[in-house]
Amino acid sequence: MSLRVGQAVARVGTRSDDFNLETEVLPRVDAEVAARNIERVRRSSGERWSVAEQVVEPAADDGVAAPEPLL
């Protein structure tokens, strides 16, 4: 299937539950504005979802060896 820019096929559930959708092209944003927006989103996400390293590190050291990576 060949799709143009802005087109997609989405599926929710089973194979018979797919549909086409089309998006609009967003307007260009000044590089400085974009950089500020990125920083604001990262800061907000960190405030909401991050966990202090002091909390994560002890949980990671539970005495169980990490599995070997699959190659």
N, C-alpha and C. Protein backbone atom coordinates (compact mmCIF):
# COMPACT_ATOMS: atom_id res chain seq x y z
N MET A 1 0.85 -1.17 0.00
CA MET A 1 0.00 0.00 0.00
C MET A 1 0.90 1.23 0.00
N SER A 2 0.62 2.17 -0.86
CA SER A 2 1.40 3.39 -0.94
C SER A 2 0.59 4.55 -0.39
N LEU A 3 1.13 5.19 0.63
CA LEU A 3 0.44 6.30 1.27
C LEU A 3 1.18 7.60 0.99
N ARG A 4 0.43 8.66 0.89
CA ARG A 4 1.03 9.99 0.73
C ARG A 4 1.39 10.55 2.10
N VAL A 5 2.17 11.63 2.11
CA VAL A 5 2.52 12.29 3.36
C VAL A 5 1.23 12.72 4.05
N GLY A 6 1.13 12.42 5.34
CA GLY A 6 -0.05 12.79 6.10
C GLY A 6 -1.13 11.73 6.13
N GLN A 7 -0.93 10.63 5.43
CA GLN A 7 -1.92 9.56 5.44
C GLN A 7 -1.41 8.38 6.26
N ALA A 8 -2.31 7.65 6.88
CA ALA A 8 -1.95 6.49 7.68
C ALA A 8 -3.10 5.51 7.71
N VAL A 9 -2.76 4.28 8.05
CA VAL A 9 -3.75 3.25 8.30
C VAL A 9 -3.62 2.89 9.77
N ALA A 10 -4.71 2.88 10.49
CA ALA A 10 -4.70 2.57 11.92
C ALA A 10 -5.57 1.35 12.17
N ARG A 11 -5.23 0.62 13.21
CA ARG A 11 -6.01 -0.56 13.58
C ARG A 11 -6.29 -0.52 15.07
N VAL A 12 -7.52 -0.74 15.43
CA VAL A 12 -7.91 -0.81 16.83
C VAL A 12 -8.59 -2.16 17.02
N GLY A 13 -7.90 -3.06 17.70
CA GLY A 13 -8.49 -4.37 17.91
C GLY A 13 -8.06 -5.36 16.84
N THR A 14 -9.03 -5.97 16.19
CA THR A 14 -8.76 -7.05 15.24
C THR A 14 -8.41 -6.53 13.85
N ARG A 15 -8.02 -7.44 12.98
CA ARG A 15 -7.63 -7.10 11.62
C ARG A 15 -8.76 -6.40 10.86
N SER A 16 -9.97 -6.72 11.19
CA SER A 16 -11.11 -6.12 10.48
C SER A 16 -11.46 -4.73 11.02
N ASP A 17 -10.77 -4.30 12.09
CA ASP A 17 -11.07 -3.01 12.69
C ASP A 17 -10.05 -1.94 12.29
N ASP A 18 -9.61 -1.95 11.04
CA ASP A 18 -8.66 -0.92 10.61
C ASP A 18 -9.38 0.16 9.82
N PHE A 19 -8.74 1.32 9.73
CA PHE A 19 -9.34 2.46 9.04
C PHE A 19 -8.24 3.39 8.56
N ASN A 20 -8.55 4.21 7.60
CA ASN A 20 -7.62 5.19 7.07
C ASN A 20 -7.82 6.51 7.79
N LEU A 21 -6.74 7.26 7.92
CA LEU A 21 -6.87 8.60 8.46
C LEU A 21 -5.89 9.52 7.76
N GLU A 22 -6.16 10.79 7.84
CA GLU A 22 -5.32 11.79 7.20
C GLU A 22 -5.10 12.93 8.18
N THR A 23 -3.86 13.39 8.24
CA THR A 23 -3.52 14.48 9.15
C THR A 23 -3.27 15.76 8.36
N GLU A 24 -3.24 16.86 9.05
CA GLU A 24 -2.93 18.14 8.43
C GLU A 24 -1.47 18.48 8.68
N VAL A 25 -0.85 19.15 7.74
CA VAL A 25 0.52 19.60 7.92
C VAL A 25 0.52 20.76 8.91
N LEU A 26 1.38 20.68 9.90
CA LEU A 26 1.46 21.73 10.91
C LEU A 26 2.27 22.91 10.38
N PRO A 27 1.96 24.11 10.84
CA PRO A 27 2.73 25.27 10.40
C PRO A 27 4.15 25.21 10.96
N ARG A 28 5.08 25.84 10.24
CA ARG A 28 6.47 25.90 10.71
C ARG A 28 6.55 26.71 12.00
N VAL A 29 7.48 26.32 12.87
CA VAL A 29 7.68 27.02 14.13
C VAL A 29 9.13 27.51 14.15
N ASP A 30 9.33 28.73 14.62
CA ASP A 30 10.66 29.30 14.76
C ASP A 30 11.52 28.37 15.62
N ALA A 31 12.80 28.22 15.28
CA ALA A 31 13.70 27.30 15.98
C ALA A 31 13.80 27.63 17.47
N GLU A 32 13.85 28.90 17.82
CA GLU A 32 13.94 29.27 19.24
C GLU A 32 12.67 28.92 19.99
N VAL A 33 11.53 29.14 19.37
CA VAL A 33 10.24 28.78 19.98
C VAL A 33 10.17 27.28 20.16
N ALA A 34 10.60 26.53 19.14
CA ALA A 34 10.58 25.07 19.22
C ALA A 34 11.47 24.58 20.35
N ALA A 35 12.67 25.16 20.49
CA ALA A 35 13.58 24.75 21.55
C ALA A 35 12.97 25.02 22.93
N ARG A 36 12.33 26.17 23.10
CA ARG A 36 11.68 26.49 24.38
C ARG A 36 10.54 25.51 24.67
N ASN A 37 9.77 25.18 23.63
CA ASN A 37 8.66 24.24 23.81
C ASN A 37 9.17 22.86 24.21
N ILE A 38 10.24 22.41 23.56
CA ILE A 38 10.82 21.10 23.89
C ILE A 38 11.27 21.08 25.34
N GLU A 39 11.97 22.12 25.77
CA GLU A 39 12.46 22.19 27.15
C GLU A 39 11.29 22.21 28.14
N ARG A 40 10.25 22.96 27.82
CA ARG A 40 9.08 23.04 28.71
C ARG A 40 8.40 21.67 28.84
N VAL A 41 8.26 20.95 27.73
CA VAL A 41 7.63 19.63 27.76
C VAL A 41 8.50 18.64 28.54
N ARG A 42 9.81 18.67 28.32
CA ARG A 42 10.70 17.76 29.05
C ARG A 42 10.67 18.04 30.55
N ARG A 43 10.69 19.31 30.93
CA ARG A 43 10.64 19.67 32.34
C ARG A 43 9.33 19.20 32.96
N SER A 44 8.23 19.46 32.28
CA SER A 44 6.92 19.06 32.79
C SER A 44 6.82 17.54 32.92
N SER A 45 7.32 16.83 31.92
CA SER A 45 7.29 15.37 31.96
C SER A 45 8.14 14.85 33.11
N GLY A 46 9.33 15.45 33.30
CA GLY A 46 10.20 15.02 34.39
C GLY A 46 9.56 15.25 35.74
N GLU A 47 8.90 16.40 35.90
CA GLU A 47 8.24 16.69 37.17
C GLU A 47 7.13 15.68 37.47
N ARG A 48 6.47 15.24 36.42
CA ARG A 48 5.36 14.33 36.63
C ARG A 48 5.79 12.87 36.76
N TRP A 49 6.76 12.42 35.96
CA TRP A 49 7.03 11.00 35.84
C TRP A 49 8.38 10.54 36.39
N SER A 50 9.31 11.44 36.67
CA SER A 50 10.64 10.98 37.09
C SER A 50 10.61 10.47 38.53
N VAL A 51 11.59 9.62 38.81
CA VAL A 51 11.75 9.05 40.15
C VAL A 51 13.18 9.34 40.57
N ALA A 52 13.37 9.75 41.80
CA ALA A 52 14.71 10.06 42.29
C ALA A 52 15.62 8.85 42.17
N GLU A 53 16.88 9.09 41.82
CA GLU A 53 17.85 8.01 41.65
C GLU A 53 18.00 7.20 42.93
N GLN A 54 17.89 7.86 44.09
CA GLN A 54 18.02 7.16 45.36
C GLN A 54 16.93 6.11 45.53
N VAL A 55 15.79 6.31 44.90
CA VAL A 55 14.69 5.35 45.00
C VAL A 55 14.89 4.20 44.02
N VAL A 56 15.41 4.50 42.84
CA VAL A 56 15.55 3.50 41.78
C VAL A 56 16.72 2.57 42.04
N GLU A 57 17.87 3.12 42.44
CA GLU A 57 19.08 2.32 42.59
C GLU A 57 18.92 1.17 43.59
N PRO A 58 18.39 1.37 44.80
CA PRO A 58 18.23 0.23 45.71
C PRO A 58 17.31 -0.84 45.15
N ALA A 59 16.28 -0.46 44.45
CA ALA A 59 15.37 -1.45 43.87
C ALA A 59 16.07 -2.26 42.79
N ALA A 60 17.02 -1.65 42.09
CA ALA A 60 17.73 -2.35 41.02
C ALA A 60 18.74 -3.34 41.60
N ASP A 61 19.18 -3.12 42.83
CA ASP A 61 20.18 -3.99 43.45
C ASP A 61 19.48 -4.99 44.36
N ASP A 62 18.73 -5.89 43.77
CA ASP A 62 17.96 -6.85 44.56
C ASP A 62 18.67 -8.19 44.72
N GLY A 63 19.95 -8.25 44.29
CA GLY A 63 20.70 -9.48 44.46
C GLY A 63 20.49 -10.49 43.35
N VAL A 64 19.64 -10.22 42.41
CA VAL A 64 19.38 -11.13 41.30
C VAL A 64 20.20 -10.67 40.11
N ALA A 65 20.96 -11.59 39.53
CA ALA A 65 21.80 -11.25 38.38
C ALA A 65 20.93 -10.93 37.18
N ALA A 66 21.36 -9.94 36.43
CA ALA A 66 20.66 -9.58 35.20
C ALA A 66 20.83 -10.70 34.17
N PRO A 67 19.82 -10.97 33.38
CA PRO A 67 19.94 -12.01 32.36
C PRO A 67 20.93 -11.60 31.27
N GLU A 68 21.52 -12.58 30.63
CA GLU A 68 22.42 -12.30 29.51
C GLU A 68 21.61 -11.73 28.35
N PRO A 69 22.16 -10.75 27.63
CA PRO A 69 21.41 -10.21 26.48
C PRO A 69 21.26 -11.24 25.37
N LEU A 70 20.16 -11.19 24.68
CA LEU A 70 19.92 -12.07 23.54
C LEU A 70 20.63 -11.51 22.33
N LEU A 71 21.29 -12.35 21.58
CA LEU A 71 22.00 -11.90 20.39
C LEU A 71 21.33 -12.39 19.14
